[in-house]
Protein backbone atom coordinates (compact mmCIF):
# COMPACT_ATOMS: atom_id res chain seq x y z
CA MET A 1 0.90 -38.75 -71.37
CA ALA A 2 3.53 -40.10 -68.97
CA ASN A 3 2.75 -40.57 -65.28
CA SER A 4 4.59 -37.75 -63.47
CA LEU A 5 3.05 -38.28 -60.02
CA ASN A 6 6.05 -39.97 -58.36
CA LYS A 7 8.88 -37.52 -59.01
CA CYS A 8 10.23 -37.74 -55.44
CA SER A 9 11.12 -40.66 -53.21
CA ALA A 10 8.00 -40.27 -51.05
CA GLN A 11 5.35 -42.94 -51.48
CA GLU A 12 2.37 -41.01 -52.82
CA THR A 13 -1.18 -42.17 -53.46
CA ALA A 14 -2.60 -41.04 -56.79
CA ALA A 15 -6.08 -40.54 -55.32
CA CYS A 16 -5.19 -37.85 -52.79
CA CYS A 17 -1.48 -37.02 -53.21
CA CYS A 18 -0.87 -38.24 -49.65
CA VAL A 19 2.48 -39.43 -48.34
CA ASP A 20 3.25 -42.08 -45.79
CA VAL A 21 3.84 -40.49 -42.37
CA GLY A 22 7.00 -42.59 -42.00
CA THR A 23 8.44 -40.71 -44.96
CA ILE A 24 8.17 -37.42 -43.08
CA ILE A 25 8.54 -38.42 -39.41
CA ASP A 26 11.39 -40.92 -39.34
CA ASN A 27 12.94 -39.98 -35.95
CA GLU A 28 16.09 -38.78 -37.74
CA ASP A 29 15.73 -35.14 -36.66
CA CYS A 30 14.90 -34.84 -32.96
CA LYS A 31 16.66 -31.50 -32.36
CA ALA A 32 15.11 -28.04 -32.40
CA SER A 33 17.42 -25.03 -32.34
CA PHE A 34 16.63 -21.48 -31.24
CA SER A 35 18.72 -18.32 -31.64
CA LYS A 36 17.78 -14.73 -30.89
CA THR A 37 19.52 -11.49 -29.90
CA PHE A 38 18.27 -9.52 -26.90
CA GLU A 39 19.20 -6.11 -25.52
CA LYS A 40 19.53 -7.36 -21.92
CA ARG A 41 20.71 -10.65 -20.42
CA HIS A 42 17.62 -10.99 -18.23
CA GLN A 43 15.44 -10.96 -21.39
CA ALA A 44 17.42 -13.90 -22.79
CA GLU A 45 17.17 -15.73 -19.47
CA GLU A 46 13.39 -15.19 -19.38
CA MET A 47 13.07 -16.49 -22.94
CA LEU A 48 15.16 -19.56 -22.08
CA ALA A 49 12.97 -20.24 -19.03
CA GLY A 50 9.84 -20.02 -21.20
CA LEU A 51 11.32 -22.29 -23.86
CA THR A 52 12.37 -24.77 -21.17
CA ASP A 53 8.82 -24.82 -19.78
CA LYS A 54 7.43 -25.48 -23.29
CA ALA A 55 9.93 -28.30 -23.84
CA ARG A 56 9.09 -29.89 -20.48
CA ALA A 57 5.38 -29.76 -21.34
CA VAL A 58 6.00 -31.71 -24.58
CA GLU A 59 8.63 -34.26 -23.52
CA SER A 60 7.84 -37.89 -22.77
CA ASP A 61 11.43 -38.60 -21.75
CA PRO A 62 13.71 -35.82 -20.48
CA CYS A 63 14.60 -33.35 -23.22
CA LEU A 64 18.32 -32.52 -23.41
CA ILE A 65 18.63 -28.72 -23.33
CA GLU A 66 21.96 -27.10 -24.19
CA SER A 67 22.09 -23.31 -24.12
CA ARG A 68 24.49 -20.38 -24.18
CA ILE A 69 24.04 -16.67 -23.69
CA ASP A 70 26.93 -14.82 -25.30
CA PRO A 71 27.74 -11.12 -25.62
CA ALA A 72 26.86 -9.60 -28.98
CA ASP A 73 26.85 -6.12 -30.51
CA GLY A 74 24.14 -4.20 -28.71
CA GLY A 75 23.22 -6.98 -26.27
CA VAL A 76 23.41 -10.73 -25.91
CA VAL A 77 22.52 -13.70 -28.10
CA LEU A 78 20.70 -16.77 -26.82
CA ASN A 79 21.49 -20.04 -28.59
CA ALA A 80 19.65 -23.13 -27.40
CA ASP A 81 19.30 -26.68 -28.69
CA PHE A 82 16.46 -28.94 -27.53
CA THR A 83 16.93 -32.65 -28.22
CA PHE A 84 13.75 -34.68 -27.77
CA SER A 85 13.36 -38.45 -27.60
CA CYS A 86 11.29 -38.52 -30.80
CA GLN A 87 10.69 -36.33 -33.83
CA ALA A 88 6.96 -35.91 -33.11
CA GLU A 89 7.82 -34.10 -29.86
CA THR A 90 10.25 -31.89 -31.77
CA LEU A 91 7.54 -30.93 -34.25
CA ILE A 92 5.01 -30.23 -31.48
CA PHE A 93 7.57 -28.00 -29.72
CA GLN A 94 8.40 -26.11 -32.93
CA LEU A 95 4.75 -25.59 -33.82
CA GLY A 96 4.13 -24.26 -30.31
CA LEU A 97 6.70 -21.51 -30.95
CA ARG A 98 4.82 -20.11 -33.95
């Protein structure tokens, strides 16, 4: 029977099917994006303030926050991008939103 353990580029260990953390967290993706439609502008602004607080609690260096609140059918849409200094902070921020 052929060894089919290593079908992907990740370095796996046969004993536990583990992958090297550097394969997953490589600091390539440090941006988290958020988009949601709200009925009222003040709801979007409150959400942005909450997201900003969460980002500030995670950051080691200042997080770059770019946001827009645009009119949409039936309300407004909040689009925000959070660029952290490292991918681990991005993951912590995203997990905190779940």
